[in-house]
Amino acid sequence: MLLTREEMTFDFGGARLDPVRDRQVLGWAVNQFLYGEVTGIQIGHWLYAAPDLEAARFLARQAVEEFQHVGNFLHILQLLGEKPAAAHPAVRFLSTGAMPDTWEEHVALEMAVGEGLVLQCFYALIDTVDHPEIVAILKRGVKQEERHVDFGEQRTMAALAKDPSIRTRLLGQAIVTSLAVARVESYMKKHLPQDHAVLRQLPEFTRHSLRMMELRLMRIGLIEAPLSSLSVVARARLVAGAFAGKAVSGVLKTALGPFGYAKRSRLTESYLSDPGVRDAVFPPSRPGASSDTTANADALS
């Protein structure tokens, strides 16, 4: 990757998250990841847009890895004794609402930028969660996420070299990503305990993540200076320019669905009621088995 693990890591000063005391907080975080991994179904669409066999082969492998991650996060919920739940609206927007229209947008915004932000959250959980099995699961996933980010970075640089004119569109959409991340930060400050040694550092962790996002964009060659150095007017113009074309595609998506097919319900809309998710954490009780969720949660913790 263009950024090292050391650069991306945020120092929480040794503060820890306890899987029993902080199980609801961890459950909330894991459910955000779970939603993002379910959107791995969208990788199948990009197989049709892949510019070469190497890219298509990578995406086919990534699809398998994304579904492995779904199982991993369901297992973590089971270990915590928490149930699958809906993701925050900003997370849903970043994962599906702002779905790219082109290959260049996909590799830049979903893979390099989006998965880069997710990777930093993986690092943060590995460094703070006091549960060896959960940490081991996350470490396995990190290796795959790093490959995804690296692919996105390399393919974005190749796309910029081929057509520098796409820079403005990608930059405008990256600004919207940063605004959505800031909204998640605001939600956390309002709803998570701020007297907690880890949680009170989340606002600064978010700012660090955004700084690393800007650094990644600079090393890719998308920008020469941090986004924060741009005036409000300049950023507004970039966003307006980037999303002018999306207004048309948005109408088509509303009528036809995101990939130009007849509109139908996506798995991201129904996964919480899917038996593969609903029963994976707390399977239906067998005759004679205890159905006490609290007891199960305590035992798993």
C-alpha atoms as a PDB file:
ATOM      1  CA  MET A   1       0.000   0.000   0.000  1.00  0.00           C
ATOM      2  CA  LEU A   2       0.978   3.643  -0.375  1.00  0.00           C
ATOM      3  CA  LEU A   3       0.612   4.143   3.389  1.00  0.00           C
ATOM      4  CA  THR A   4       2.297   1.989   5.995  1.00  0.00           C
ATOM      5  CA  ARG A   5       0.614   0.280   8.936  1.00  0.00           C
ATOM      6  CA  GLU A   6       2.549   2.619  11.232  1.00  0.00           C
ATOM      7  CA  GLU A   7       1.244   5.737   9.472  1.00  0.00           C
ATOM      8  CA  MET A   8      -2.346   4.529   9.559  1.00  0.00           C
ATOM      9  CA  THR A   9      -2.278   3.371  13.185  1.00  0.00           C
ATOM     10  CA  PHE A  10      -3.809   5.657  15.814  1.00  0.00           C
ATOM     11  CA  ASP A  11      -2.247   5.544  19.281  1.00  0.00           C
ATOM     12  CA  PHE A  12      -4.982   4.890  21.858  1.00  0.00           C
ATOM     13  CA  GLY A  13      -2.426   5.022  24.654  1.00  0.00           C
ATOM     14  CA  GLY A  14      -3.027   1.450  25.757  1.00  0.00           C
ATOM     15  CA  ALA A  15      -6.775   1.961  26.352  1.00  0.00           C
ATOM     16  CA  ARG A  16      -8.822  -1.214  25.908  1.00  0.00           C
ATOM     17  CA  LEU A  17     -12.338  -2.321  24.989  1.00  0.00           C
ATOM     18  CA  ASP A  18     -13.705  -5.075  27.238  1.00  0.00           C
ATOM     19  CA  PRO A  19     -15.852  -7.656  25.380  1.00  0.00           C
ATOM     20  CA  VAL A  20     -18.249  -7.931  28.349  1.00  0.00           C
ATOM     21  CA  ARG A  21     -18.467  -4.373  29.625  1.00  0.00           C
ATOM     22  CA  ASP A  22     -18.371  -2.861  26.119  1.00  0.00           C
ATOM     23  CA  ARG A  23     -20.286  -5.560  24.245  1.00  0.00           C
ATOM     24  CA  GLN A  24     -23.020  -3.177  23.001  1.00  0.00           C
ATOM     25  CA  VAL A  25     -20.477  -0.691  21.678  1.00  0.00           C
ATOM     26  CA  LEU A  26     -18.542  -3.464  19.963  1.00  0.00           C
ATOM     27  CA  GLY A  27     -21.781  -4.945  18.659  1.00  0.00           C
ATOM     28  CA  TRP A  28     -22.667  -1.584  17.089  1.00  0.00           C
ATOM     29  CA  ALA A  29     -19.249  -1.354  15.448  1.00  0.00           C
ATOM     30  CA  VAL A  30     -19.381  -4.921  14.140  1.00  0.00           C
ATOM     31  CA  ASN A  31     -22.819  -4.330  12.624  1.00  0.00           C
ATOM     32  CA  GLN A  32     -21.406  -1.435  10.611  1.00  0.00           C
ATOM     33  CA  PHE A  33     -18.742  -3.795   9.249  1.00  0.00           C
ATOM     34  CA  LEU A  34     -21.328  -6.503   8.620  1.00  0.00           C
ATOM     35  CA  TYR A  35     -23.359  -4.211   6.378  1.00  0.00           C
ATOM     36  CA  GLY A  36     -20.259  -3.177   4.474  1.00  0.00           C
ATOM     37  CA  GLU A  37     -19.275  -6.784   3.860  1.00  0.00           C
ATOM     38  CA  VAL A  38     -22.756  -7.689   2.629  1.00  0.00           C
ATOM     39  CA  THR A  39     -22.231  -5.098  -0.095  1.00  0.00           C
ATOM     40  CA  GLY A  40     -19.578  -7.495  -1.377  1.00  0.00           C
ATOM     41  CA  ILE A  41     -22.361  -8.744  -3.646  1.00  0.00           C
ATOM     42  CA  GLN A  42     -21.770  -5.601  -5.705  1.00  0.00           C
ATOM     43  CA  ILE A  43     -18.306  -6.826  -6.689  1.00  0.00           C
ATOM     44  CA  GLY A  44     -20.032  -9.162  -9.126  1.00  0.00           C
ATOM     45  CA  HIS A  45     -21.223  -6.153 -11.099  1.00  0.00           C
ATOM     46  CA  TRP A  46     -17.699  -4.809 -11.486  1.00  0.00           C
ATOM     47  CA  LEU A  47     -16.567  -8.058 -13.093  1.00  0.00           C
ATOM     48  CA  TYR A  48     -18.425  -6.815 -16.173  1.00  0.00           C
ATOM     49  CA  ALA A  49     -16.537  -3.508 -16.057  1.00  0.00           C
ATOM     50  CA  ALA A  50     -13.068  -4.949 -15.375  1.00  0.00           C
ATOM     51  CA  PRO A  51     -10.622  -3.667 -18.021  1.00  0.00           C
ATOM     52  CA  ASP A  52      -8.596  -6.890 -18.198  1.00  0.00           C
ATOM     53  CA  LEU A  53      -8.479 -10.511 -17.049  1.00  0.00           C
ATOM     54  CA  GLU A  54      -6.115  -9.757 -14.172  1.00  0.00           C
ATOM     55  CA  ALA A  55      -8.599  -7.269 -12.701  1.00  0.00           C
ATOM     56  CA  ALA A  56     -11.519  -9.664 -13.214  1.00  0.00           C
ATOM     57  CA  ARG A  57      -9.601 -12.472 -11.516  1.00  0.00           C
ATOM     58  CA  PHE A  58      -8.822 -10.213  -8.557  1.00  0.00           C
ATOM     59  CA  LEU A  59     -12.486  -9.224  -8.172  1.00  0.00           C
ATOM     60  CA  ALA A  60     -13.628 -12.853  -8.317  1.00  0.00           C
ATOM     61  CA  ARG A  61     -11.265 -13.654  -5.464  1.00  0.00           C
ATOM     62  CA  GLN A  62     -12.380 -10.556  -3.573  1.00  0.00           C
ATOM     63  CA  ALA A  63     -16.040 -11.608  -3.782  1.00  0.00           C
ATOM     64  CA  VAL A  64     -15.196 -14.866  -2.015  1.00  0.00           C
ATOM     65  CA  GLU A  65     -13.210 -12.962   0.621  1.00  0.00           C
ATOM     66  CA  GLU A  66     -16.047 -10.495   1.258  1.00  0.00           C
ATOM     67  CA  PHE A  67     -18.461 -13.328   1.984  1.00  0.00           C
ATOM     68  CA  GLN A  68     -15.889 -14.905   4.277  1.00  0.00           C
ATOM     69  CA  HIS A  69     -15.861 -11.594   6.138  1.00  0.00           C
ATOM     70  CA  VAL A  70     -19.651 -11.754   6.504  1.00  0.00           C
ATOM     71  CA  GLY A  71     -19.235 -15.065   8.302  1.00  0.00           C
ATOM     72  CA  ASN A  72     -16.392 -13.670  10.404  1.00  0.00           C
ATOM     73  CA  PHE A  73     -18.425 -10.735  11.659  1.00  0.00           C
ATOM     74  CA  LEU A  74     -21.422 -12.939  12.393  1.00  0.00           C
ATOM     75  CA  HIS A  75     -19.085 -15.107  14.473  1.00  0.00           C
ATOM     76  CA  ILE A  76     -17.810 -12.026  16.335  1.00  0.00           C
ATOM     77  CA  LEU A  77     -21.398 -11.025  17.106  1.00  0.00           C
ATOM     78  CA  GLN A  78     -21.930 -14.517  18.466  1.00  0.00           C
ATOM     79  CA  LEU A  79     -18.849 -14.214  20.660  1.00  0.00           C
ATOM     80  CA  LEU A  80     -20.141 -10.887  21.977  1.00  0.00           C
ATOM     81  CA  GLY A  81     -23.688 -12.131  22.468  1.00  0.00           C
ATOM     82  CA  GLU A  82     -25.049  -9.376  20.210  1.00  0.00           C
ATOM     83  CA  LYS A  83     -27.575  -9.648  17.394  1.00  0.00           C
ATOM     84  CA  PRO A  84     -27.274  -8.453  13.775  1.00  0.00           C
ATOM     85  CA  ALA A  85     -28.761  -4.956  13.502  1.00  0.00           C
ATOM     86  CA  ALA A  86     -29.156  -2.180  10.942  1.00  0.00           C
ATOM     87  CA  ALA A  87     -26.183  -0.015  10.060  1.00  0.00           C
ATOM     88  CA  HIS A  88     -26.027   3.747  10.542  1.00  0.00           C
ATOM     89  CA  PRO A  89     -27.552   5.748   7.620  1.00  0.00           C
ATOM     90  CA  ALA A  90     -24.173   7.315   6.781  1.00  0.00           C
ATOM     91  CA  VAL A  91     -22.624   3.856   6.477  1.00  0.00           C
ATOM     92  CA  ARG A  92     -25.472   2.732   4.226  1.00  0.00           C
ATOM     93  CA  PHE A  93     -24.993   5.852   2.101  1.00  0.00           C
ATOM     94  CA  LEU A  94     -21.258   5.293   1.697  1.00  0.00           C
ATOM     95  CA  SER A  95     -21.707   1.598   0.881  1.00  0.00           C
ATOM     96  CA  THR A  96     -24.732   1.697  -1.421  1.00  0.00           C
ATOM     97  CA  GLY A  97     -26.285   5.147  -1.701  1.00  0.00           C
ATOM     98  CA  ALA A  98     -23.147   6.624  -3.271  1.00  0.00           C
ATOM     99  CA  MET A  99     -22.442   3.561  -5.390  1.00  0.00           C
ATOM    100  CA  PRO A 100     -19.985   4.422  -8.205  1.00  0.00           C
ATOM    101  CA  ASP A 101     -21.068   4.620 -11.830  1.00  0.00           C
ATOM    102  CA  THR A 102     -17.698   3.865 -13.444  1.00  0.00           C
ATOM    103  CA  TRP A 103     -14.724   1.550 -13.001  1.00  0.00           C
ATOM    104  CA  GLU A 104     -12.514   4.519 -12.101  1.00  0.00           C
ATOM    105  CA  GLU A 105     -14.907   5.584  -9.342  1.00  0.00           C
ATOM    106  CA  HIS A 106     -15.042   2.034  -8.014  1.00  0.00           C
ATOM    107  CA  VAL A 107     -11.297   1.520  -7.665  1.00  0.00           C
ATOM    108  CA  ALA A 108     -10.684   5.029  -6.306  1.00  0.00           C
ATOM    109  CA  LEU A 109     -13.615   5.583  -3.972  1.00  0.00           C
ATOM    110  CA  GLU A 110     -14.712   2.114  -2.898  1.00  0.00           C
ATOM    111  CA  MET A 111     -11.397   0.299  -2.866  1.00  0.00           C
ATOM    112  CA  ALA A 112      -8.602   2.823  -2.239  1.00  0.00           C
ATOM    113  CA  VAL A 113     -10.528   5.360  -0.138  1.00  0.00           C
ATOM    114  CA  GLY A 114     -13.430   3.351   1.309  1.00  0.00           C
ATOM    115  CA  GLU A 115     -11.568   0.166   2.150  1.00  0.00           C
ATOM    116  CA  GLY A 116      -8.659   2.284   3.347  1.00  0.00           C
ATOM    117  CA  LEU A 117     -10.934   3.826   5.978  1.00  0.00           C
ATOM    118  CA  VAL A 118     -12.297   0.396   6.906  1.00  0.00           C
ATOM    119  CA  LEU A 119      -8.750  -0.927   7.232  1.00  0.00           C
ATOM    120  CA  GLN A 120      -7.929   1.772   9.788  1.00  0.00           C
ATOM    121  CA  CYS A 121     -10.943   0.698  11.842  1.00  0.00           C
ATOM    122  CA  PHE A 122      -9.690  -2.898  11.675  1.00  0.00           C
ATOM    123  CA  TYR A 123      -6.321  -1.748  13.002  1.00  0.00           C
ATOM    124  CA  ALA A 124      -8.028   0.198  15.806  1.00  0.00           C
ATOM    125  CA  LEU A 125     -10.067  -2.811  16.937  1.00  0.00           C
ATOM    126  CA  ILE A 126      -7.028  -5.104  16.803  1.00  0.00           C
ATOM    127  CA  ASP A 127      -5.148  -2.658  19.021  1.00  0.00           C
ATOM    128  CA  THR A 128      -7.938  -2.120  21.569  1.00  0.00           C
ATOM    129  CA  VAL A 129     -10.234  -5.177  21.848  1.00  0.00           C
ATOM    130  CA  ASP A 130      -9.290  -7.359  24.799  1.00  0.00           C
ATOM    131  CA  HIS A 131     -10.380 -10.677  23.257  1.00  0.00           C
ATOM    132  CA  PRO A 132      -7.753 -12.933  21.595  1.00  0.00           C
ATOM    133  CA  GLU A 133     -10.206 -14.794  19.342  1.00  0.00           C
ATOM    134  CA  ILE A 134     -11.821 -11.616  18.001  1.00  0.00           C
ATOM    135  CA  VAL A 135      -8.381 -10.101  17.395  1.00  0.00           C
ATOM    136  CA  ALA A 136      -7.248 -13.246  15.539  1.00  0.00           C
ATOM    137  CA  ILE A 137     -10.312 -13.063  13.262  1.00  0.00           C
ATOM    138  CA  LEU A 138      -9.646  -9.393  12.508  1.00  0.00           C
ATOM    139  CA  LYS A 139      -5.961 -10.015  11.777  1.00  0.00           C
ATOM    140  CA  ARG A 140      -6.878 -12.593   9.155  1.00  0.00           C
ATOM    141  CA  GLY A 141      -9.273 -10.122   7.540  1.00  0.00           C
ATOM    142  CA  VAL A 142      -6.704  -7.324   7.590  1.00  0.00           C
ATOM    143  CA  LYS A 143      -4.403  -9.134   5.159  1.00  0.00           C
ATOM    144  CA  GLN A 144      -7.221  -9.336   2.622  1.00  0.00           C
ATOM    145  CA  GLU A 145      -8.296  -5.715   3.150  1.00  0.00           C
ATOM    146  CA  GLU A 146      -4.714  -4.561   2.580  1.00  0.00           C
ATOM    147  CA  ARG A 147      -4.696  -6.353  -0.790  1.00  0.00           C
ATOM    148  CA  HIS A 148      -7.981  -4.670  -1.737  1.00  0.00           C
ATOM    149  CA  VAL A 149      -6.657  -1.212  -0.847  1.00  0.00           C
ATOM    150  CA  ASP A 150      -3.423  -1.800  -2.749  1.00  0.00           C
ATOM    151  CA  PHE A 151      -5.366  -2.904  -5.829  1.00  0.00           C
ATOM    152  CA  GLY A 152      -7.540   0.211  -5.628  1.00  0.00           C
ATOM    153  CA  GLU A 153      -4.523   2.495  -5.307  1.00  0.00           C
ATOM    154  CA  GLN A 154      -2.638   0.946  -8.218  1.00  0.00           C
ATOM    155  CA  ARG A 155      -5.664   0.873 -10.511  1.00  0.00           C
ATOM    156  CA  THR A 156      -6.579   4.476  -9.655  1.00  0.00           C
ATOM    157  CA  MET A 157      -3.077   5.664 -10.523  1.00  0.00           C
ATOM    158  CA  ALA A 158      -3.283   3.765 -13.808  1.00  0.00           C
ATOM    159  CA  ALA A 159      -6.663   5.345 -14.583  1.00  0.00           C
ATOM    160  CA  LEU A 160      -5.348   8.858 -13.834  1.00  0.00           C
ATOM    161  CA  ALA A 161      -2.326   8.285 -16.069  1.00  0.00           C
ATOM    162  CA  LYS A 162      -4.631   7.218 -18.878  1.00  0.00           C
ATOM    163  CA  ASP A 163      -7.202  10.005 -18.423  1.00  0.00           C
ATOM    164  CA  PRO A 164      -6.234  12.911 -16.124  1.00  0.00           C
ATOM    165  CA  SER A 165      -9.610  14.579 -16.740  1.00  0.00           C
ATOM    166  CA  ILE A 166     -11.318  12.198 -14.289  1.00  0.00           C
ATOM    167  CA  ARG A 167      -9.418  13.790 -11.389  1.00  0.00           C
ATOM    168  CA  THR A 168     -12.057  16.484 -10.754  1.00  0.00           C
ATOM    169  CA  ARG A 169     -14.940  14.007 -10.604  1.00  0.00           C
ATOM    170  CA  LEU A 170     -13.101  11.655  -8.259  1.00  0.00           C
ATOM    171  CA  LEU A 171     -11.999  14.494  -6.001  1.00  0.00           C
ATOM    172  CA  GLY A 172     -15.544  15.844  -5.648  1.00  0.00           C
ATOM    173  CA  GLN A 173     -16.829  12.440  -4.614  1.00  0.00           C
ATOM    174  CA  ALA A 174     -13.941  12.008  -2.165  1.00  0.00           C
ATOM    175  CA  ILE A 175     -15.028  15.243  -0.477  1.00  0.00           C
ATOM    176  CA  VAL A 176     -18.534  13.816  -0.011  1.00  0.00           C
ATOM    177  CA  THR A 177     -16.987  10.696   1.546  1.00  0.00           C
ATOM    178  CA  SER A 178     -15.138  12.857   4.073  1.00  0.00           C
ATOM    179  CA  LEU A 179     -18.377  14.659   4.982  1.00  0.00           C
ATOM    180  CA  ALA A 180     -20.187  11.351   5.540  1.00  0.00           C
ATOM    181  CA  VAL A 181     -17.360  10.102   7.791  1.00  0.00           C
ATOM    182  CA  ALA A 182     -17.642  13.304   9.818  1.00  0.00           C
ATOM    183  CA  ARG A 183     -21.358  12.584  10.276  1.00  0.00           C
ATOM    184  CA  VAL A 184     -20.551   9.168  11.759  1.00  0.00           C
ATOM    185  CA  GLU A 185     -18.161  10.900  14.152  1.00  0.00           C
ATOM    186  CA  SER A 186     -20.962  13.225  15.241  1.00  0.00           C
ATOM    187  CA  TYR A 187     -23.246  10.257  15.888  1.00  0.00           C
ATOM    188  CA  MET A 188     -20.601   8.539  18.003  1.00  0.00           C
ATOM    189  CA  LYS A 189     -20.032  11.642  20.143  1.00  0.00           C
ATOM    190  CA  LYS A 190     -23.761  11.844  20.897  1.00  0.00           C
ATOM    191  CA  HIS A 191     -24.501   8.180  21.513  1.00  0.00           C
ATOM    192  CA  LEU A 192     -21.326   6.579  22.878  1.00  0.00           C
ATOM    193  CA  PRO A 193     -20.045   7.102  26.444  1.00  0.00           C
ATOM    194  CA  GLN A 194     -17.476   9.875  26.397  1.00  0.00           C
ATOM    195  CA  ASP A 195     -16.041   8.936  29.798  1.00  0.00           C
ATOM    196  CA  HIS A 196     -14.636   5.719  28.299  1.00  0.00           C
ATOM    197  CA  ALA A 197     -10.853   5.563  27.782  1.00  0.00           C
ATOM    198  CA  VAL A 198     -11.230   4.413  24.152  1.00  0.00           C
ATOM    199  CA  LEU A 199     -14.510   6.015  23.122  1.00  0.00           C
ATOM    200  CA  ARG A 200     -13.536   9.530  24.130  1.00  0.00           C
ATOM    201  CA  GLN A 201     -10.659   9.295  21.642  1.00  0.00           C
ATOM    202  CA  LEU A 202     -12.884   8.380  18.678  1.00  0.00           C
ATOM    203  CA  PRO A 203     -13.324  11.980  17.435  1.00  0.00           C
ATOM    204  CA  GLU A 204      -9.531  12.374  17.168  1.00  0.00           C
ATOM    205  CA  PHE A 205      -9.278   8.892  15.643  1.00  0.00           C
ATOM    206  CA  THR A 206     -11.784   9.998  12.987  1.00  0.00           C
ATOM    207  CA  ARG A 207      -9.773  13.135  12.256  1.00  0.00           C
ATOM    208  CA  HIS A 208      -6.628  11.003  11.997  1.00  0.00           C
ATOM    209  CA  SER A 209      -8.416   8.684   9.557  1.00  0.00           C
ATOM    210  CA  LEU A 210      -9.430  11.633   7.391  1.00  0.00           C
ATOM    211  CA  ARG A 211      -5.851  12.938   7.409  1.00  0.00           C
ATOM    212  CA  MET A 212      -4.672   9.525   6.234  1.00  0.00           C
ATOM    213  CA  MET A 213      -7.362   9.546   3.543  1.00  0.00           C
ATOM    214  CA  GLU A 214      -6.014  12.877   2.291  1.00  0.00           C
ATOM    215  CA  LEU A 215      -2.452  11.543   2.391  1.00  0.00           C
ATOM    216  CA  ARG A 216      -3.527   8.521   0.344  1.00  0.00           C
ATOM    217  CA  LEU A 217      -5.181  10.814  -2.220  1.00  0.00           C
ATOM    218  CA  MET A 218      -1.980  12.856  -2.429  1.00  0.00           C
ATOM    219  CA  ARG A 219       0.210   9.790  -2.940  1.00  0.00           C
ATOM    220  CA  ILE A 220      -2.161   8.443  -5.574  1.00  0.00           C
ATOM    221  CA  GLY A 221      -1.788  11.781  -7.361  1.00  0.00           C
ATOM    222  CA  LEU A 222      -5.397  12.876  -7.064  1.00  0.00           C
ATOM    223  CA  ILE A 223      -4.556  16.039  -5.107  1.00  0.00           C
ATOM    224  CA  GLU A 224      -1.426  18.092  -4.436  1.00  0.00           C
ATOM    225  CA  ALA A 225      -2.511  19.546  -1.075  1.00  0.00           C
ATOM    226  CA  PRO A 226      -4.902  18.396   1.685  1.00  0.00           C
ATOM    227  CA  LEU A 227      -8.628  18.827   1.012  1.00  0.00           C
ATOM    228  CA  SER A 228      -8.777  21.037   4.108  1.00  0.00           C
ATOM    229  CA  SER A 229      -6.633  23.610   2.276  1.00  0.00           C
ATOM    230  CA  LEU A 230      -9.406  24.158  -0.286  1.00  0.00           C
ATOM    231  CA  SER A 231     -11.934  26.927   0.311  1.00  0.00           C
ATOM    232  CA  VAL A 232     -15.563  26.091   0.985  1.00  0.00           C
ATOM    233  CA  VAL A 233     -16.487  27.491  -2.423  1.00  0.00           C
ATOM    234  CA  ALA A 234     -13.838  25.404  -4.190  1.00  0.00           C
ATOM    235  CA  ARG A 235     -15.034  22.241  -2.453  1.00  0.00           C
ATOM    236  CA  ALA A 236     -18.662  23.027  -3.283  1.00  0.00           C
ATOM    237  CA  ARG A 237     -17.771  23.436  -6.961  1.00  0.00           C
ATOM    238  CA  LEU A 238     -15.927  20.128  -7.014  1.00  0.00           C
ATOM    239  CA  VAL A 239     -18.862  18.329  -5.396  1.00  0.00           C
ATOM    240  CA  ALA A 240     -21.370  19.945  -7.770  1.00  0.00           C
ATOM    241  CA  GLY A 241     -19.267  19.007 -10.769  1.00  0.00           C
ATOM    242  CA  ALA A 242     -18.755  15.454  -9.589  1.00  0.00           C
ATOM    243  CA  PHE A 243     -22.435  14.797  -8.978  1.00  0.00           C
ATOM    244  CA  ALA A 244     -23.913  16.591 -11.975  1.00  0.00           C
ATOM    245  CA  GLY A 245     -23.766  13.397 -14.000  1.00  0.00           C
ATOM    246  CA  LYS A 246     -24.994  11.339 -11.073  1.00  0.00           C
ATOM    247  CA  ALA A 247     -28.292  13.218 -11.105  1.00  0.00           C
ATOM    248  CA  VAL A 248     -29.134  11.535 -14.403  1.00  0.00           C
ATOM    249  CA  SER A 249     -27.859   8.132 -13.326  1.00  0.00           C
ATOM    250  CA  GLY A 250     -29.826   8.520 -10.076  1.00  0.00           C
ATOM    251  CA  VAL A 251     -33.077   8.807 -12.011  1.00  0.00           C
ATOM    252  CA  LEU A 252     -32.199   5.673 -13.975  1.00  0.00           C
ATOM    253  CA  LYS A 253     -31.279   3.785 -10.808  1.00  0.00           C
ATOM    254  CA  THR A 254     -34.616   4.729  -9.250  1.00  0.00           C
ATOM    255  CA  ALA A 255     -36.456   3.353 -12.256  1.00  0.00           C
ATOM    256  CA  LEU A 256     -34.258   0.414 -13.199  1.00  0.00           C
ATOM    257  CA  GLY A 257     -32.066  -0.401 -10.223  1.00  0.00           C
ATOM    258  CA  PRO A 258     -28.372   0.325  -9.670  1.00  0.00           C
ATOM    259  CA  PHE A 259     -26.984  -1.782 -12.489  1.00  0.00           C
ATOM    260  CA  GLY A 260     -29.528  -1.066 -15.228  1.00  0.00           C
ATOM    261  CA  TYR A 261     -31.668  -4.126 -14.608  1.00  0.00           C
ATOM    262  CA  ALA A 262     -35.316  -4.146 -13.622  1.00  0.00           C
ATOM    263  CA  LYS A 263     -35.519  -2.710 -10.126  1.00  0.00           C
ATOM    264  CA  ARG A 264     -35.649  -5.318  -7.395  1.00  0.00           C
ATOM    265  CA  SER A 265     -34.770  -5.650  -3.744  1.00  0.00           C
ATOM    266  CA  ARG A 266     -31.062  -5.973  -3.061  1.00  0.00           C
ATOM    267  CA  LEU A 267     -29.511  -8.205  -0.436  1.00  0.00           C
ATOM    268  CA  THR A 268     -28.369  -5.096   1.457  1.00  0.00           C
ATOM    269  CA  GLU A 269     -32.059  -4.344   2.029  1.00  0.00           C
ATOM    270  CA  SER A 270     -33.072  -7.812   3.196  1.00  0.00           C
ATOM    271  CA  TYR A 271     -29.987  -9.423   4.751  1.00  0.00           C
ATOM    272  CA  LEU A 272     -31.114  -8.924   8.368  1.00  0.00           C
ATOM    273  CA  SER A 273     -34.135 -11.180   7.773  1.00  0.00           C
ATOM    274  CA  ASP A 274     -32.125 -13.703   5.764  1.00  0.00           C
ATOM    275  CA  PRO A 275     -31.845 -17.057   7.617  1.00  0.00           C
ATOM    276  CA  GLY A 276     -28.129 -17.093   6.842  1.00  0.00           C
ATOM    277  CA  VAL A 277     -27.738 -13.980   9.016  1.00  0.00           C
ATOM    278  CA  ARG A 278     -30.701 -14.194  11.375  1.00  0.00           C
ATOM    279  CA  ASP A 279     -29.949 -17.711  12.595  1.00  0.00           C
ATOM    280  CA  ALA A 280     -26.162 -17.613  12.366  1.00  0.00           C
ATOM    281  CA  VAL A 281     -25.686 -15.791  15.670  1.00  0.00           C
ATOM    282  CA  PHE A 282     -28.486 -17.359  17.727  1.00  0.00           C
ATOM    283  CA  PRO A 283     -29.699 -20.513  15.927  1.00  0.00           C
ATOM    284  CA  PRO A 284     -33.272 -21.650  16.566  1.00  0.00           C
ATOM    285  CA  SER A 285     -33.499 -23.482  19.883  1.00  0.00           C
ATOM    286  CA  ARG A 286     -33.397 -27.269  19.785  1.00  0.00           C
ATOM    287  CA  PRO A 287     -35.860 -29.251  21.927  1.00  0.00           C
ATOM    288  CA  GLY A 288     -34.655 -29.149  25.497  1.00  0.00           C
ATOM    289  CA  ALA A 289     -32.099 -26.411  24.809  1.00  0.00           C
ATOM    290  CA  SER A 290     -32.104 -23.106  26.696  1.00  0.00           C
ATOM    291  CA  SER A 291     -33.483 -20.119  24.776  1.00  0.00           C
ATOM    292  CA  ASP A 292     -32.156 -17.583  27.277  1.00  0.00           C
ATOM    293  CA  THR A 293     -30.307 -15.060  25.101  1.00  0.00           C
ATOM    294  CA  THR A 294     -28.676 -13.420  28.076  1.00  0.00           C
ATOM    295  CA  ALA A 295     -27.296 -16.722  29.311  1.00  0.00           C
ATOM    296  CA  ASN A 296     -25.969 -17.481  25.843  1.00  0.00           C
ATOM    297  CA  ALA A 297     -24.365 -14.049  25.627  1.00  0.00           C
ATOM    298  CA  ASP A 298     -22.715 -14.438  29.036  1.00  0.00           C
ATOM    299  CA  ALA A 299     -21.370 -17.848  28.114  1.00  0.00           C
ATOM    300  CA  LEU A 300     -20.032 -16.659  24.763  1.00  0.00           C
ATOM    301  CA  SER A 301     -18.421 -13.612  26.359  1.00  0.00           C
END
